[in-house]
Amino acid sequence: MINKIKAYREKLGISQTALATKCGWEKGQVRLSNYETGSREPKLNDMRIIVSQLNKLGASCSIDDVFPPPG
């Protein structure tokens, strides 16, 4: 799955560690990195958490914006 977590995160000027902390994931930088690179696919609840935190930080995005459906 190709996602746009990194693009939104960088546009906001926030590090992986900072976003992972906002998501409530201890030592979550590796987890977020895996999601960004596509080596792990986030579950729906994690997608919701990521999008929610991006929006709280100033983005204006939906799950489909950050995690575009295939096709």
PDB file of N, CA and C in Angstrom:
ATOM      1  N   MET A   1       0.838  -1.187   0.000  1.00  0.00           N
ATOM      2  CA  MET A   1       0.000   0.000   0.000  1.00  0.00           C
ATOM      3  C   MET A   1       0.881   1.248   0.000  1.00  0.00           C
ATOM      4  N   ILE A   2       0.621   2.113  -0.940  1.00  0.00           N
ATOM      5  CA  ILE A   2       1.333   3.381  -0.991  1.00  0.00           C
ATOM      6  C   ILE A   2       0.535   4.383  -0.160  1.00  0.00           C
ATOM      7  N   ASN A   3       1.242   5.115   0.701  1.00  0.00           N
ATOM      8  CA  ASN A   3       0.555   6.110   1.514  1.00  0.00           C
ATOM      9  C   ASN A   3       1.301   7.436   1.444  1.00  0.00           C
ATOM     10  N   LYS A   4       0.679   8.453   1.993  1.00  0.00           N
ATOM     11  CA  LYS A   4       1.240   9.796   1.949  1.00  0.00           C
ATOM     12  C   LYS A   4       1.518  10.348   3.343  1.00  0.00           C
ATOM     13  N   ILE A   5       1.776   9.453   4.286  1.00  0.00           N
ATOM     14  CA  ILE A   5       2.065   9.901   5.651  1.00  0.00           C
ATOM     15  C   ILE A   5       3.250  10.856   5.639  1.00  0.00           C
ATOM     16  N   LYS A   6       4.330  10.442   5.001  1.00  0.00           N
ATOM     17  CA  LYS A   6       5.563  11.238   5.002  1.00  0.00           C
ATOM     18  C   LYS A   6       5.321  12.611   4.393  1.00  0.00           C
ATOM     19  N   ALA A   7       4.593  12.676   3.285  1.00  0.00           N
ATOM     20  CA  ALA A   7       4.338  13.964   2.627  1.00  0.00           C
ATOM     21  C   ALA A   7       3.581  14.910   3.554  1.00  0.00           C
ATOM     22  N   TYR A   8       2.547  14.405   4.202  1.00  0.00           N
ATOM     23  CA  TYR A   8       1.785  15.250   5.127  1.00  0.00           C
ATOM     24  C   TYR A   8       2.628  15.629   6.344  1.00  0.00           C
ATOM     25  N   ARG A   9       3.382  14.681   6.861  1.00  0.00           N
ATOM     26  CA  ARG A   9       4.214  14.937   8.040  1.00  0.00           C
ATOM     27  C   ARG A   9       5.268  15.997   7.734  1.00  0.00           C
ATOM     28  N   GLU A  10       5.932  15.859   6.590  1.00  0.00           N
ATOM     29  CA  GLU A  10       6.972  16.822   6.222  1.00  0.00           C
ATOM     30  C   GLU A  10       6.384  18.204   5.930  1.00  0.00           C
ATOM     31  N   LYS A  11       5.201  18.237   5.326  1.00  0.00           N
ATOM     32  CA  LYS A  11       4.537  19.514   5.061  1.00  0.00           C
ATOM     33  C   LYS A  11       4.257  20.257   6.367  1.00  0.00           C
ATOM     34  N   LEU A  12       3.968  19.500   7.425  1.00  0.00           N
ATOM     35  CA  LEU A  12       3.722  20.083   8.741  1.00  0.00           C
ATOM     36  C   LEU A  12       5.013  20.375   9.509  1.00  0.00           C
ATOM     37  N   GLY A  13       6.138  19.861   8.997  1.00  0.00           N
ATOM     38  CA  GLY A  13       7.424  20.076   9.655  1.00  0.00           C
ATOM     39  C   GLY A  13       7.580  19.313  10.952  1.00  0.00           C
ATOM     40  N   ILE A  14       7.024  18.103  10.986  1.00  0.00           N
ATOM     41  CA  ILE A  14       7.077  17.287  12.210  1.00  0.00           C
ATOM     42  C   ILE A  14       7.860  15.999  11.940  1.00  0.00           C
ATOM     43  N   SER A  15       8.627  15.578  12.923  1.00  0.00           N
ATOM     44  CA  SER A  15       9.436  14.364  12.776  1.00  0.00           C
ATOM     45  C   SER A  15       8.579  13.116  12.965  1.00  0.00           C
ATOM     46  N   GLN A  16       9.133  11.987  12.554  1.00  0.00           N
ATOM     47  CA  GLN A  16       8.457  10.710  12.784  1.00  0.00           C
ATOM     48  C   GLN A  16       8.248  10.488  14.280  1.00  0.00           C
ATOM     49  N   THR A  17       9.264  10.786  15.061  1.00  0.00           N
ATOM     50  CA  THR A  17       9.179  10.581  16.508  1.00  0.00           C
ATOM     51  C   THR A  17       8.068  11.422  17.115  1.00  0.00           C
ATOM     52  N   ALA A  18       7.983  12.678  16.697  1.00  0.00           N
ATOM     53  CA  ALA A  18       6.959  13.573  17.238  1.00  0.00           C
ATOM     54  C   ALA A  18       5.559  13.096  16.865  1.00  0.00           C
ATOM     55  N   LEU A  19       5.364  12.682  15.609  1.00  0.00           N
ATOM     56  CA  LEU A  19       4.050  12.197  15.194  1.00  0.00           C
ATOM     57  C   LEU A  19       3.701  10.903  15.924  1.00  0.00           C
ATOM     58  N   ALA A  20       4.666  10.010  16.049  1.00  0.00           N
ATOM     59  CA  ALA A  20       4.423   8.752  16.764  1.00  0.00           C
ATOM     60  C   ALA A  20       4.027   9.021  18.215  1.00  0.00           C
ATOM     61  N   THR A  21       4.680   9.984  18.835  1.00  0.00           N
ATOM     62  CA  THR A  21       4.342  10.356  20.211  1.00  0.00           C
ATOM     63  C   THR A  21       2.923  10.901  20.277  1.00  0.00           C
ATOM     64  N   LYS A  22       2.562  11.761  19.339  1.00  0.00           N
ATOM     65  CA  LYS A  22       1.199  12.303  19.286  1.00  0.00           C
ATOM     66  C   LYS A  22       0.175  11.179  19.109  1.00  0.00           C
ATOM     67  N   CYS A  23       0.569  10.125  18.405  1.00  0.00           N
ATOM     68  CA  CYS A  23      -0.325   8.981  18.186  1.00  0.00           C
ATOM     69  C   CYS A  23      -0.420   8.088  19.410  1.00  0.00           C
ATOM     70  N   GLY A  24       0.442   8.342  20.405  1.00  0.00           N
ATOM     71  CA  GLY A  24       0.406   7.565  21.638  1.00  0.00           C
ATOM     72  C   GLY A  24       1.197   6.273  21.574  1.00  0.00           C
ATOM     73  N   TRP A  25       2.145   6.220  20.650  1.00  0.00           N
ATOM     74  CA  TRP A  25       2.934   5.005  20.483  1.00  0.00           C
ATOM     75  C   TRP A  25       4.307   5.196  21.099  1.00  0.00           C
ATOM     76  N   GLU A  26       4.575   4.507  22.206  1.00  0.00           N
ATOM     77  CA  GLU A  26       5.903   4.544  22.802  1.00  0.00           C
ATOM     78  C   GLU A  26       6.887   3.905  21.830  1.00  0.00           C
ATOM     79  N   LYS A  27       8.017   4.523  21.692  1.00  0.00           N
ATOM     80  CA  LYS A  27       9.045   4.029  20.759  1.00  0.00           C
ATOM     81  C   LYS A  27       8.421   3.774  19.385  1.00  0.00           C
ATOM     82  N   GLY A  28       7.514   4.644  18.977  1.00  0.00           N
ATOM     83  CA  GLY A  28       6.750   4.442  17.755  1.00  0.00           C
ATOM     84  C   GLY A  28       7.395   4.934  16.489  1.00  0.00           C
ATOM     85  N   GLN A  29       8.593   5.535  16.582  1.00  0.00           N
ATOM     86  CA  GLN A  29       9.241   6.047  15.378  1.00  0.00           C
ATOM     87  C   GLN A  29       9.478   4.925  14.378  1.00  0.00           C
ATOM     88  N   VAL A  30       9.919   3.773  14.838  1.00  0.00           N
ATOM     89  CA  VAL A  30      10.171   2.642  13.948  1.00  0.00           C
ATOM     90  C   VAL A  30       8.859   2.179  13.315  1.00  0.00           C
ATOM     91  N   ARG A  31       7.823   2.128  14.118  1.00  0.00           N
ATOM     92  CA  ARG A  31       6.503   1.731  13.625  1.00  0.00           C
ATOM     93  C   ARG A  31       6.041   2.675  12.510  1.00  0.00           C
ATOM     94  N   LEU A  32       6.157   3.979  12.756  1.00  0.00           N
ATOM     95  CA  LEU A  32       5.744   4.965  11.760  1.00  0.00           C
ATOM     96  C   LEU A  32       6.623   4.880  10.514  1.00  0.00           C
ATOM     97  N   SER A  33       7.902   4.677  10.701  1.00  0.00           N
ATOM     98  CA  SER A  33       8.819   4.520   9.572  1.00  0.00           C
ATOM     99  C   SER A  33       8.413   3.321   8.718  1.00  0.00           C
ATOM    100  N   ASN A  34       8.072   2.224   9.367  1.00  0.00           N
ATOM    101  CA  ASN A  34       7.631   1.032   8.633  1.00  0.00           C
ATOM    102  C   ASN A  34       6.357   1.308   7.839  1.00  0.00           C
ATOM    103  N   TYR A  35       5.444   2.083   8.416  1.00  0.00           N
ATOM    104  CA  TYR A  35       4.225   2.443   7.700  1.00  0.00           C
ATOM    105  C   TYR A  35       4.553   3.326   6.490  1.00  0.00           C
ATOM    106  N   GLU A  36       5.438   4.307   6.706  1.00  0.00           N
ATOM    107  CA  GLU A  36       5.786   5.233   5.622  1.00  0.00           C
ATOM    108  C   GLU A  36       6.461   4.517   4.456  1.00  0.00           C
ATOM    109  N   THR A  37       7.320   3.570   4.757  1.00  0.00           N
ATOM    110  CA  THR A  37       8.053   2.877   3.691  1.00  0.00           C
ATOM    111  C   THR A  37       7.251   1.738   3.067  1.00  0.00           C
ATOM    112  N   GLY A  38       6.142   1.382   3.704  1.00  0.00           N
ATOM    113  CA  GLY A  38       5.321   0.304   3.181  1.00  0.00           C
ATOM    114  C   GLY A  38       5.768  -1.075   3.604  1.00  0.00           C
ATOM    115  N   SER A  39       6.739  -1.158   4.522  1.00  0.00           N
ATOM    116  CA  SER A  39       7.175  -2.479   4.971  1.00  0.00           C
ATOM    117  C   SER A  39       6.165  -3.098   5.934  1.00  0.00           C
ATOM    118  N   ARG A  40       5.317  -2.251   6.521  1.00  0.00           N
ATOM    119  CA  ARG A  40       4.178  -2.727   7.329  1.00  0.00           C
ATOM    120  C   ARG A  40       2.956  -1.934   6.914  1.00  0.00           C
ATOM    121  N   GLU A  41       1.817  -2.590   6.925  1.00  0.00           N
ATOM    122  CA  GLU A  41       0.569  -1.910   6.586  1.00  0.00           C
ATOM    123  C   GLU A  41      -0.206  -1.624   7.866  1.00  0.00           C
ATOM    124  N   PRO A  42      -0.564  -0.354   8.086  1.00  0.00           N
ATOM    125  CA  PRO A  42      -1.308  -0.051   9.307  1.00  0.00           C
ATOM    126  C   PRO A  42      -2.731  -0.597   9.262  1.00  0.00           C
ATOM    127  N   LYS A  43      -3.213  -0.970  10.416  1.00  0.00           N
ATOM    128  CA  LYS A  43      -4.614  -1.392  10.527  1.00  0.00           C
ATOM    129  C   LYS A  43      -5.486  -0.145  10.472  1.00  0.00           C
ATOM    130  N   LEU A  44      -6.769  -0.349  10.227  1.00  0.00           N
ATOM    131  CA  LEU A  44      -7.698   0.768  10.077  1.00  0.00           C
ATOM    132  C   LEU A  44      -7.659   1.710  11.280  1.00  0.00           C
ATOM    133  N   ASN A  45      -7.621   1.168  12.481  1.00  0.00           N
ATOM    134  CA  ASN A  45      -7.582   2.025  13.668  1.00  0.00           C
ATOM    135  C   ASN A  45      -6.324   2.891  13.690  1.00  0.00           C
ATOM    136  N   ASP A  46      -5.175   2.323  13.298  1.00  0.00           N
ATOM    137  CA  ASP A  46      -3.940   3.111  13.245  1.00  0.00           C
ATOM    138  C   ASP A  46      -4.036   4.189  12.170  1.00  0.00           C
ATOM    139  N   MET A  47      -4.670   3.874  11.043  1.00  0.00           N
ATOM    140  CA  MET A  47      -4.878   4.886  10.001  1.00  0.00           C
ATOM    141  C   MET A  47      -5.688   6.053  10.551  1.00  0.00           C
ATOM    142  N   ARG A  48      -6.738   5.725  11.287  1.00  0.00           N
ATOM    143  CA  ARG A  48      -7.583   6.770  11.879  1.00  0.00           C
ATOM    144  C   ARG A  48      -6.799   7.631  12.860  1.00  0.00           C
ATOM    145  N   ILE A  49      -5.973   6.995  13.674  1.00  0.00           N
ATOM    146  CA  ILE A  49      -5.157   7.728  14.645  1.00  0.00           C
ATOM    147  C   ILE A  49      -4.196   8.664  13.919  1.00  0.00           C
ATOM    148  N   ILE A  50      -3.511   8.173  12.901  1.00  0.00           N
ATOM    149  CA  ILE A  50      -2.553   8.983  12.149  1.00  0.00           C
ATOM    150  C   ILE A  50      -3.256  10.192  11.531  1.00  0.00           C
ATOM    151  N   VAL A  51      -4.356   9.960  10.848  1.00  0.00           N
ATOM    152  CA  VAL A  51      -5.083  11.050  10.188  1.00  0.00           C
ATOM    153  C   VAL A  51      -5.596  12.052  11.221  1.00  0.00           C
ATOM    154  N   SER A  52      -6.116  11.570  12.316  1.00  0.00           N
ATOM    155  CA  SER A  52      -6.606  12.454  13.366  1.00  0.00           C
ATOM    156  C   SER A  52      -5.494  13.362  13.889  1.00  0.00           C
ATOM    157  N   GLN A  53      -4.340  12.784  14.147  1.00  0.00           N
ATOM    158  CA  GLN A  53      -3.229  13.577  14.672  1.00  0.00           C
ATOM    159  C   GLN A  53      -2.682  14.547  13.629  1.00  0.00           C
ATOM    160  N   LEU A  54      -2.620  14.129  12.371  1.00  0.00           N
ATOM    161  CA  LEU A  54      -2.189  15.052  11.305  1.00  0.00           C
ATOM    162  C   LEU A  54      -3.134  16.245  11.253  1.00  0.00           C
ATOM    163  N   ASN A  55      -4.428  15.993  11.350  1.00  0.00           N
ATOM    164  CA  ASN A  55      -5.407  17.084  11.320  1.00  0.00           C
ATOM    165  C   ASN A  55      -5.283  17.987  12.546  1.00  0.00           C
ATOM    166  N   LYS A  56      -5.017  17.414  13.712  1.00  0.00           N
ATOM    167  CA  LYS A  56      -4.829  18.224  14.922  1.00  0.00           C
ATOM    168  C   LYS A  56      -3.598  19.114  14.810  1.00  0.00           C
ATOM    169  N   LEU A  57      -2.632  18.657  14.000  1.00  0.00           N
ATOM    170  CA  LEU A  57      -1.397  19.430  13.813  1.00  0.00           C
ATOM    171  C   LEU A  57      -1.520  20.468  12.695  1.00  0.00           C
ATOM    172  N   GLY A  58      -2.676  20.509  12.030  1.00  0.00           N
ATOM    173  CA  GLY A  58      -2.888  21.548  11.027  1.00  0.00           C
ATOM    174  C   GLY A  58      -3.165  21.081   9.620  1.00  0.00           C
ATOM    175  N   ALA A  59      -3.079  19.787   9.375  1.00  0.00           N
ATOM    176  CA  ALA A  59      -3.402  19.274   8.040  1.00  0.00           C
ATOM    177  C   ALA A  59      -4.920  19.279   7.870  1.00  0.00           C
ATOM    178  N   SER A  60      -5.341  19.128   6.653  1.00  0.00           N
ATOM    179  CA  SER A  60      -6.764  18.972   6.364  1.00  0.00           C
ATOM    180  C   SER A  60      -6.866  17.783   5.427  1.00  0.00           C
ATOM    181  N   CYS A  61      -7.001  16.591   6.023  1.00  0.00           N
ATOM    182  CA  CYS A  61      -6.938  15.376   5.212  1.00  0.00           C
ATOM    183  C   CYS A  61      -7.902  14.325   5.740  1.00  0.00           C
ATOM    184  N   SER A  62      -8.210  13.381   4.864  1.00  0.00           N
ATOM    185  CA  SER A  62      -9.058  12.247   5.211  1.00  0.00           C
ATOM    186  C   SER A  62      -8.225  10.974   5.112  1.00  0.00           C
ATOM    187  N   ILE A  63      -8.805   9.872   5.530  1.00  0.00           N
ATOM    188  CA  ILE A  63      -8.107   8.589   5.384  1.00  0.00           C
ATOM    189  C   ILE A  63      -7.776   8.335   3.909  1.00  0.00           C
ATOM    190  N   ASP A  64      -8.718   8.636   3.009  1.00  0.00           N
ATOM    191  CA  ASP A  64      -8.463   8.406   1.585  1.00  0.00           C
ATOM    192  C   ASP A  64      -7.360   9.315   1.039  1.00  0.00           C
ATOM    193  N   ASP A  65      -7.166  10.501   1.642  1.00  0.00           N
ATOM    194  CA  ASP A  65      -6.076  11.391   1.206  1.00  0.00           C
ATOM    195  C   ASP A  65      -4.718  10.800   1.593  1.00  0.00           C
ATOM    196  N   VAL A  66      -4.628  10.323   2.815  1.00  0.00           N
ATOM    197  CA  VAL A  66      -3.352   9.813   3.336  1.00  0.00           C
ATOM    198  C   VAL A  66      -3.090   8.386   2.892  1.00  0.00           C
ATOM    199  N   PHE A  67      -4.150   7.606   2.776  1.00  0.00           N
ATOM    200  CA  PHE A  67      -4.050   6.198   2.370  1.00  0.00           C
ATOM    201  C   PHE A  67      -4.942   6.001   1.140  1.00  0.00           C
ATOM    202  N   PRO A  68      -4.472   6.470  -0.024  1.00  0.00           N
ATOM    203  CA  PRO A  68      -5.331   6.395  -1.226  1.00  0.00           C
ATOM    204  C   PRO A  68      -5.739   4.955  -1.561  1.00  0.00           C
ATOM    205  N   PRO A  69      -7.007   4.785  -1.920  1.00  0.00           N
ATOM    206  CA  PRO A  69      -7.436   3.448  -2.319  1.00  0.00           C
ATOM    207  C   PRO A  69      -6.742   3.022  -3.606  1.00  0.00           C
ATOM    208  N   PRO A  70      -6.516   1.727  -3.783  1.00  0.00           N
ATOM    209  CA  PRO A  70      -5.859   1.264  -5.010  1.00  0.00           C
ATOM    210  C   PRO A  70      -6.726   1.572  -6.224  1.00  0.00           C
ATOM    211  N   GLY A  71      -6.028   1.762  -7.338  1.00  0.00           N
ATOM    212  CA  GLY A  71      -6.765   1.954  -8.570  1.00  0.00           C
ATOM    213  C   GLY A  71      -6.673   3.308  -9.026  1.00  0.00           C
TER     214      GLY A  71
END
